[in-house]
Amino acid sequence: MSDRREEARRRLSELSSRSKQGSSGMNIESIVEAVLGRTPEREMIILVEAAFESNGINPMMESQMVDGILALNEWKKENS
C-alpha cells in the first residue's frame, strides 16, 4: 500500500471515528478533504458525489472510498 493511500485511509478513519462519537455524520466534502489532505475543489466534490450516488444503496467500505477518490483525483489531473 502506498504511503499516500495509507495516509488517506488514516485521515478518513479519524474522521469516521470523530463522526461516530459526535452527532454529525460525514458529508462528502469532509470525506474528500480527509482523503486528499486538503480542501477540495468544488468540481472534485461533484465528481465524488456522482460516484457515490451511482453506487446506490450499497454500503461502501472506507478503503473503497479512498481508492475511488484517489482514482478520480488522478483522472482529473490527467484530463485537466
PDB file of N, CA and C in Angstrom:
ATOM      1  N   MET A   1       0.853  -1.185   0.000  1.00  0.00           N
ATOM      2  CA  MET A   1       0.000   0.000   0.000  1.00  0.00           C
ATOM      3  C   MET A   1       0.896   1.245   0.000  1.00  0.00           C
ATOM      4  N   SER A   2       0.615   2.178  -0.870  1.00  0.00           N
ATOM      5  CA  SER A   2       1.432   3.386  -0.948  1.00  0.00           C
ATOM      6  C   SER A   2       1.247   4.248   0.292  1.00  0.00           C
ATOM      7  N   ASP A   3       2.274   5.032   0.582  1.00  0.00           N
ATOM      8  CA  ASP A   3       2.193   5.937   1.731  1.00  0.00           C
ATOM      9  C   ASP A   3       1.029   6.907   1.585  1.00  0.00           C
ATOM     10  N   ARG A   4       0.828   7.381   0.364  1.00  0.00           N
ATOM     11  CA  ARG A   4      -0.260   8.335   0.105  1.00  0.00           C
ATOM     12  C   ARG A   4      -1.614   7.716   0.426  1.00  0.00           C
ATOM     13  N   ARG A   5      -1.808   6.488  -0.016  1.00  0.00           N
ATOM     14  CA  ARG A   5      -3.071   5.794   0.239  1.00  0.00           C
ATOM     15  C   ARG A   5      -3.221   5.501   1.726  1.00  0.00           C
ATOM     16  N   GLU A   6      -2.154   5.092   2.368  1.00  0.00           N
ATOM     17  CA  GLU A   6      -2.221   4.785   3.786  1.00  0.00           C
ATOM     18  C   GLU A   6      -2.544   6.033   4.616  1.00  0.00           C
ATOM     19  N   GLU A   7      -1.927   7.154   4.261  1.00  0.00           N
ATOM     20  CA  GLU A   7      -2.226   8.414   4.956  1.00  0.00           C
ATOM     21  C   GLU A   7      -3.685   8.821   4.734  1.00  0.00           C
ATOM     22  N   ALA A   8      -4.166   8.642   3.528  1.00  0.00           N
ATOM     23  CA  ALA A   8      -5.561   8.969   3.223  1.00  0.00           C
ATOM     24  C   ALA A   8      -6.504   8.093   4.049  1.00  0.00           C
ATOM     25  N   ARG A   9      -6.204   6.809   4.150  1.00  0.00           N
ATOM     26  CA  ARG A   9      -7.037   5.897   4.956  1.00  0.00           C
ATOM     27  C   ARG A   9      -7.011   6.291   6.421  1.00  0.00           C
ATOM     28  N   ARG A  10      -5.843   6.694   6.913  1.00  0.00           N
ATOM     29  CA  ARG A  10      -5.732   7.099   8.312  1.00  0.00           C
ATOM     30  C   ARG A  10      -6.586   8.336   8.584  1.00  0.00           C
ATOM     31  N   ARG A  11      -6.494   9.328   7.701  1.00  0.00           N
ATOM     32  CA  ARG A  11      -7.286  10.555   7.882  1.00  0.00           C
ATOM     33  C   ARG A  11      -8.779  10.269   7.814  1.00  0.00           C
ATOM     34  N   LEU A  12      -9.199   9.420   6.875  1.00  0.00           N
ATOM     35  CA  LEU A  12     -10.618   9.085   6.755  1.00  0.00           C
ATOM     36  C   LEU A  12     -11.092   8.308   7.979  1.00  0.00           C
ATOM     37  N   SER A  13     -10.270   7.428   8.476  1.00  0.00           N
ATOM     38  CA  SER A  13     -10.620   6.657   9.668  1.00  0.00           C
ATOM     39  C   SER A  13     -10.789   7.569  10.878  1.00  0.00           C
ATOM     40  N   GLU A  14      -9.905   8.553  11.006  1.00  0.00           N
ATOM     41  CA  GLU A  14     -10.023   9.527  12.098  1.00  0.00           C
ATOM     42  C   GLU A  14     -11.318  10.320  11.976  1.00  0.00           C
ATOM     43  N   LEU A  15     -11.651  10.747  10.768  1.00  0.00           N
ATOM     44  CA  LEU A  15     -12.900  11.478  10.539  1.00  0.00           C
ATOM     45  C   LEU A  15     -14.093  10.602  10.912  1.00  0.00           C
ATOM     46  N   SER A  16     -14.059   9.359  10.500  1.00  0.00           N
ATOM     47  CA  SER A  16     -15.140   8.430  10.794  1.00  0.00           C
ATOM     48  C   SER A  16     -15.303   8.244  12.298  1.00  0.00           C
ATOM     49  N   SER A  17     -14.202   8.091  13.001  1.00  0.00           N
ATOM     50  CA  SER A  17     -14.255   7.924  14.457  1.00  0.00           C
ATOM     51  C   SER A  17     -14.839   9.153  15.131  1.00  0.00           C
ATOM     52  N   ARG A  18     -14.416  10.342  14.689  1.00  0.00           N
ATOM     53  CA  ARG A  18     -14.947  11.582  15.271  1.00  0.00           C
ATOM     54  C   ARG A  18     -16.440  11.712  15.004  1.00  0.00           C
ATOM     55  N   SER A  19     -16.879  11.339  13.801  1.00  0.00           N
ATOM     56  CA  SER A  19     -18.299  11.486  13.473  1.00  0.00           C
ATOM     57  C   SER A  19     -19.148  10.495  14.256  1.00  0.00           C
ATOM     58  N   LYS A  20     -18.609   9.324  14.551  1.00  0.00           N
ATOM     59  CA  LYS A  20     -19.343   8.337  15.352  1.00  0.00           C
ATOM     60  C   LYS A  20     -19.481   8.779  16.799  1.00  0.00           C
ATOM     61  N   GLN A  21     -18.471   9.503  17.306  1.00  0.00           N
ATOM     62  CA  GLN A  21     -18.500   9.981  18.683  1.00  0.00           C
ATOM     63  C   GLN A  21     -19.456  11.157  18.839  1.00  0.00           C
ATOM     64  N   GLY A  22     -19.573  11.952  17.816  1.00  0.00           N
ATOM     65  CA  GLY A  22     -20.461  13.109  17.843  1.00  0.00           C
ATOM     66  C   GLY A  22     -21.784  12.764  17.201  1.00  0.00           C
ATOM     67  N   SER A  23     -22.555  13.788  16.974  1.00  0.00           N
ATOM     68  CA  SER A  23     -23.872  13.560  16.376  1.00  0.00           C
ATOM     69  C   SER A  23     -23.877  13.839  14.877  1.00  0.00           C
ATOM     70  N   SER A  24     -22.751  14.323  14.369  1.00  0.00           N
ATOM     71  CA  SER A  24     -22.728  14.659  12.942  1.00  0.00           C
ATOM     72  C   SER A  24     -22.219  13.489  12.124  1.00  0.00           C
ATOM     73  N   GLY A  25     -22.757  13.346  10.935  1.00  0.00           N
ATOM     74  CA  GLY A  25     -22.297  12.319  10.022  1.00  0.00           C
ATOM     75  C   GLY A  25     -21.146  12.860   9.187  1.00  0.00           C
ATOM     76  N   MET A  26     -20.705  12.069   8.256  1.00  0.00           N
ATOM     77  CA  MET A  26     -19.630  12.507   7.362  1.00  0.00           C
ATOM     78  C   MET A  26     -20.260  12.996   6.065  1.00  0.00           C
ATOM     79  N   ASN A  27     -20.054  14.263   5.740  1.00  0.00           N
ATOM     80  CA  ASN A  27     -20.560  14.740   4.455  1.00  0.00           C
ATOM     81  C   ASN A  27     -19.490  14.525   3.389  1.00  0.00           C
ATOM     82  N   ILE A  28     -19.882  14.621   2.154  1.00  0.00           N
ATOM     83  CA  ILE A  28     -18.971  14.302   1.049  1.00  0.00           C
ATOM     84  C   ILE A  28     -17.763  15.226   1.044  1.00  0.00           C
ATOM     85  N   GLU A  29     -17.965  16.497   1.288  1.00  0.00           N
ATOM     86  CA  GLU A  29     -16.840  17.429   1.290  1.00  0.00           C
ATOM     87  C   GLU A  29     -15.808  17.044   2.350  1.00  0.00           C
ATOM     88  N   SER A  30     -16.261  16.677   3.552  1.00  0.00           N
ATOM     89  CA  SER A  30     -15.311  16.301   4.603  1.00  0.00           C
ATOM     90  C   SER A  30     -14.610  14.983   4.287  1.00  0.00           C
ATOM     91  N   ILE A  31     -15.305  14.069   3.628  1.00  0.00           N
ATOM     92  CA  ILE A  31     -14.682  12.803   3.219  1.00  0.00           C
ATOM     93  C   ILE A  31     -13.583  13.068   2.197  1.00  0.00           C
ATOM     94  N   VAL A  32     -13.895  13.878   1.187  1.00  0.00           N
ATOM     95  CA  VAL A  32     -12.919  14.182   0.141  1.00  0.00           C
ATOM     96  C   VAL A  32     -11.726  14.935   0.741  1.00  0.00           C
ATOM     97  N   GLU A  33     -11.999  15.869   1.620  1.00  0.00           N
ATOM     98  CA  GLU A  33     -10.919  16.618   2.265  1.00  0.00           C
ATOM     99  C   GLU A  33     -10.022  15.687   3.084  1.00  0.00           C
ATOM    100  N   ALA A  34     -10.617  14.756   3.805  1.00  0.00           N
ATOM    101  CA  ALA A  34      -9.826  13.806   4.601  1.00  0.00           C
ATOM    102  C   ALA A  34      -8.952  12.943   3.694  1.00  0.00           C
ATOM    103  N   VAL A  35      -9.506  12.460   2.606  1.00  0.00           N
ATOM    104  CA  VAL A  35      -8.747  11.587   1.707  1.00  0.00           C
ATOM    105  C   VAL A  35      -7.616  12.355   1.019  1.00  0.00           C
ATOM    106  N   LEU A  36      -7.910  13.539   0.507  1.00  0.00           N
ATOM    107  CA  LEU A  36      -6.904  14.302  -0.231  1.00  0.00           C
ATOM    108  C   LEU A  36      -5.937  15.050   0.681  1.00  0.00           C
ATOM    109  N   GLY A  37      -6.351  15.302   1.918  1.00  0.00           N
ATOM    110  CA  GLY A  37      -5.488  16.026   2.844  1.00  0.00           C
ATOM    111  C   GLY A  37      -5.456  17.521   2.602  1.00  0.00           C
ATOM    112  N   ARG A  38      -6.440  18.015   1.868  1.00  0.00           N
ATOM    113  CA  ARG A  38      -6.550  19.449   1.573  1.00  0.00           C
ATOM    114  C   ARG A  38      -7.993  19.774   1.245  1.00  0.00           C
ATOM    115  N   THR A  39      -8.313  21.047   1.248  1.00  0.00           N
ATOM    116  CA  THR A  39      -9.655  21.475   0.873  1.00  0.00           C
ATOM    117  C   THR A  39      -9.870  21.167  -0.598  1.00  0.00           C
ATOM    118  N   PRO A  40     -10.905  20.399  -0.912  1.00  0.00           N
ATOM    119  CA  PRO A  40     -11.119  20.004  -2.308  1.00  0.00           C
ATOM    120  C   PRO A  40     -11.773  21.106  -3.133  1.00  0.00           C
ATOM    121  N   GLU A  41     -11.495  21.058  -4.433  1.00  0.00           N
ATOM    122  CA  GLU A  41     -12.171  21.949  -5.364  1.00  0.00           C
ATOM    123  C   GLU A  41     -13.622  21.496  -5.492  1.00  0.00           C
ATOM    124  N   ARG A  42     -14.491  22.415  -5.812  1.00  0.00           N
ATOM    125  CA  ARG A  42     -15.918  22.110  -5.964  1.00  0.00           C
ATOM    126  C   ARG A  42     -16.142  21.008  -7.016  1.00  0.00           C
ATOM    127  N   GLU A  43     -15.389  21.058  -8.100  1.00  0.00           N
ATOM    128  CA  GLU A  43     -15.537  20.061  -9.160  1.00  0.00           C
ATOM    129  C   GLU A  43     -15.259  18.650  -8.637  1.00  0.00           C
ATOM    130  N   MET A  44     -14.255  18.525  -7.763  1.00  0.00           N
ATOM    131  CA  MET A  44     -13.919  17.216  -7.200  1.00  0.00           C
ATOM    132  C   MET A  44     -15.058  16.709  -6.316  1.00  0.00           C
ATOM    133  N   ILE A  45     -15.659  17.579  -5.552  1.00  0.00           N
ATOM    134  CA  ILE A  45     -16.787  17.194  -4.701  1.00  0.00           C
ATOM    135  C   ILE A  45     -17.945  16.691  -5.559  1.00  0.00           C
ATOM    136  N   ILE A  46     -18.210  17.380  -6.666  1.00  0.00           N
ATOM    137  CA  ILE A  46     -19.292  16.986  -7.570  1.00  0.00           C
ATOM    138  C   ILE A  46     -19.011  15.611  -8.170  1.00  0.00           C
ATOM    139  N   LEU A  47     -17.763  15.369  -8.577  1.00  0.00           N
ATOM    140  CA  LEU A  47     -17.399  14.062  -9.142  1.00  0.00           C
ATOM    141  C   LEU A  47     -17.588  12.941  -8.124  1.00  0.00           C
ATOM    142  N   VAL A  48     -17.143  13.171  -6.905  1.00  0.00           N
ATOM    143  CA  VAL A  48     -17.272  12.149  -5.864  1.00  0.00           C
ATOM    144  C   VAL A  48     -18.739  11.928  -5.512  1.00  0.00           C
ATOM    145  N   GLU A  49     -19.499  12.995  -5.433  1.00  0.00           N
ATOM    146  CA  GLU A  49     -20.928  12.876  -5.150  1.00  0.00           C
ATOM    147  C   GLU A  49     -21.622  12.021  -6.214  1.00  0.00           C
ATOM    148  N   ALA A  50     -21.294  12.252  -7.473  1.00  0.00           N
ATOM    149  CA  ALA A  50     -21.880  11.466  -8.561  1.00  0.00           C
ATOM    150  C   ALA A  50     -21.472   9.998  -8.448  1.00  0.00           C
ATOM    151  N   ALA A  51     -20.219   9.750  -8.104  1.00  0.00           N
ATOM    152  CA  ALA A  51     -19.748   8.369  -7.954  1.00  0.00           C
ATOM    153  C   ALA A  51     -20.463   7.678  -6.790  1.00  0.00           C
ATOM    154  N   PHE A  52     -20.610   8.372  -5.679  1.00  0.00           N
ATOM    155  CA  PHE A  52     -21.302   7.790  -4.530  1.00  0.00           C
ATOM    156  C   PHE A  52     -22.764   7.498  -4.865  1.00  0.00           C
ATOM    157  N   GLU A  53     -23.406   8.433  -5.554  1.00  0.00           N
ATOM    158  CA  GLU A  53     -24.810   8.237  -5.922  1.00  0.00           C
ATOM    159  C   GLU A  53     -24.979   7.069  -6.881  1.00  0.00           C
ATOM    160  N   SER A  54     -24.025   6.879  -7.767  1.00  0.00           N
ATOM    161  CA  SER A  54     -24.127   5.775  -8.725  1.00  0.00           C
ATOM    162  C   SER A  54     -23.968   4.419  -8.049  1.00  0.00           C
ATOM    163  N   ASN A  55     -23.431   4.419  -6.849  1.00  0.00           N
ATOM    164  CA  ASN A  55     -23.275   3.185  -6.086  1.00  0.00           C
ATOM    165  C   ASN A  55     -24.611   2.728  -5.489  1.00  0.00           C
ATOM    166  N   GLY A  56     -25.586   3.604  -5.524  1.00  0.00           N
ATOM    167  CA  GLY A  56     -26.911   3.260  -5.000  1.00  0.00           C
ATOM    168  C   GLY A  56     -26.908   3.131  -3.485  1.00  0.00           C
ATOM    169  N   ILE A  57     -27.641   2.148  -3.006  1.00  0.00           N
ATOM    170  CA  ILE A  57     -27.769   1.968  -1.557  1.00  0.00           C
ATOM    171  C   ILE A  57     -26.712   1.025  -0.993  1.00  0.00           C
ATOM    172  N   ASN A  58     -25.820   0.565  -1.847  1.00  0.00           N
ATOM    173  CA  ASN A  58     -24.778  -0.359  -1.406  1.00  0.00           C
ATOM    174  C   ASN A  58     -23.794   0.356  -0.477  1.00  0.00           C
ATOM    175  N   PRO A  59     -23.551  -0.193   0.702  1.00  0.00           N
ATOM    176  CA  PRO A  59     -22.593   0.450   1.612  1.00  0.00           C
ATOM    177  C   PRO A  59     -21.177   0.362   1.044  1.00  0.00           C
ATOM    178  N   MET A  60     -20.393   1.375   1.344  1.00  0.00           N
ATOM    179  CA  MET A  60     -19.006   1.402   0.878  1.00  0.00           C
ATOM    180  C   MET A  60     -18.074   1.316   2.075  1.00  0.00           C
ATOM    181  N   MET A  61     -17.029   0.540   1.917  1.00  0.00           N
ATOM    182  CA  MET A  61     -16.005   0.476   2.951  1.00  0.00           C
ATOM    183  C   MET A  61     -15.101   1.694   2.796  1.00  0.00           C
ATOM    184  N   GLU A  62     -14.447   2.072   3.890  1.00  0.00           N
ATOM    185  CA  GLU A  62     -13.549   3.226   3.837  1.00  0.00           C
ATOM    186  C   GLU A  62     -12.467   3.035   2.780  1.00  0.00           C
ATOM    187  N   SER A  63     -11.945   1.829   2.658  1.00  0.00           N
ATOM    188  CA  SER A  63     -10.883   1.582   1.664  1.00  0.00           C
ATOM    189  C   SER A  63     -11.394   1.813   0.246  1.00  0.00           C
ATOM    190  N   GLN A  64     -12.671   1.489  -0.012  1.00  0.00           N
ATOM    191  CA  GLN A  64     -13.255   1.732  -1.334  1.00  0.00           C
ATOM    192  C   GLN A  64     -13.393   3.226  -1.591  1.00  0.00           C
ATOM    193  N   MET A  65     -13.790   3.970  -0.559  1.00  0.00           N
ATOM    194  CA  MET A  65     -13.892   5.424  -0.705  1.00  0.00           C
ATOM    195  C   MET A  65     -12.537   6.017  -1.036  1.00  0.00           C
ATOM    196  N   VAL A  66     -11.511   5.596  -0.304  1.00  0.00           N
ATOM    197  CA  VAL A  66     -10.160   6.112  -0.524  1.00  0.00           C
ATOM    198  C   VAL A  66      -9.701   5.799  -1.942  1.00  0.00           C
ATOM    199  N   ASP A  67      -9.816   4.543  -2.347  1.00  0.00           N
ATOM    200  CA  ASP A  67      -9.368   4.150  -3.686  1.00  0.00           C
ATOM    201  C   ASP A  67     -10.115   4.920  -4.771  1.00  0.00           C
ATOM    202  N   GLY A  68     -11.422   5.051  -4.610  1.00  0.00           N
ATOM    203  CA  GLY A  68     -12.226   5.755  -5.607  1.00  0.00           C
ATOM    204  C   GLY A  68     -11.896   7.230  -5.697  1.00  0.00           C
ATOM    205  N   ILE A  69     -11.759   7.883  -4.558  1.00  0.00           N
ATOM    206  CA  ILE A  69     -11.455   9.321  -4.554  1.00  0.00           C
ATOM    207  C   ILE A  69     -10.065   9.571  -5.110  1.00  0.00           C
ATOM    208  N   LEU A  70      -9.086   8.749  -4.722  1.00  0.00           N
ATOM    209  CA  LEU A  70      -7.733   8.919  -5.263  1.00  0.00           C
ATOM    210  C   LEU A  70      -7.714   8.677  -6.776  1.00  0.00           C
ATOM    211  N   ALA A  71      -8.472   7.690  -7.247  1.00  0.00           N
ATOM    212  CA  ALA A  71      -8.537   7.413  -8.678  1.00  0.00           C
ATOM    213  C   ALA A  71      -9.191   8.579  -9.428  1.00  0.00           C
ATOM    214  N   LEU A  72     -10.264   9.130  -8.881  1.00  0.00           N
ATOM    215  CA  LEU A  72     -10.912  10.293  -9.512  1.00  0.00           C
ATOM    216  C   LEU A  72      -9.964  11.484  -9.544  1.00  0.00           C
ATOM    217  N   ASN A  73      -9.219  11.670  -8.476  1.00  0.00           N
ATOM    218  CA  ASN A  73      -8.279  12.781  -8.406  1.00  0.00           C
ATOM    219  C   ASN A  73      -7.194  12.635  -9.480  1.00  0.00           C
ATOM    220  N   GLU A  74      -6.678  11.429  -9.652  1.00  0.00           N
ATOM    221  CA  GLU A  74      -5.675  11.181 -10.693  1.00  0.00           C
ATOM    222  C   GLU A  74      -6.269  11.398 -12.087  1.00  0.00           C
ATOM    223  N   TRP A  75      -7.485  10.890 -12.297  1.00  0.00           N
ATOM    224  CA  TRP A  75      -8.154  11.067 -13.577  1.00  0.00           C
ATOM    225  C   TRP A  75      -8.327  12.556 -13.880  1.00  0.00           C
ATOM    226  N   LYS A  76      -8.751  13.305 -12.863  1.00  0.00           N
ATOM    227  CA  LYS A  76      -8.966  14.736 -13.029  1.00  0.00           C
ATOM    228  C   LYS A  76      -7.660  15.449 -13.403  1.00  0.00           C
ATOM    229  N   LYS A  77      -6.568  15.088 -12.745  1.00  0.00           N
ATOM    230  CA  LYS A  77      -5.265  15.696 -13.054  1.00  0.00           C
ATOM    231  C   LYS A  77      -4.840  15.395 -14.490  1.00  0.00           C
ATOM    232  N   GLU A  78      -5.029  14.153 -14.899  1.00  0.00           N
ATOM    233  CA  GLU A  78      -4.616  13.733 -16.243  1.00  0.00           C
ATOM    234  C   GLU A  78      -5.466  14.355 -17.336  1.00  0.00           C
ATOM    235  N   ASN A  79      -6.680  14.757 -17.010  1.00  0.00           N
ATOM    236  CA  ASN A  79      -7.600  15.271 -18.019  1.00  0.00           C
ATOM    237  C   ASN A  79      -7.892  16.758 -17.882  1.00  0.00           C
ATOM    238  N   SER A  80      -7.061  17.440 -17.154  1.00  0.00           N
ATOM    239  CA  SER A  80      -7.257  18.896 -16.994  1.00  0.00           C
ATOM    240  C   SER A  80      -6.465  19.668 -18.012  1.00  0.00           C
TER     241      SER A  80
END
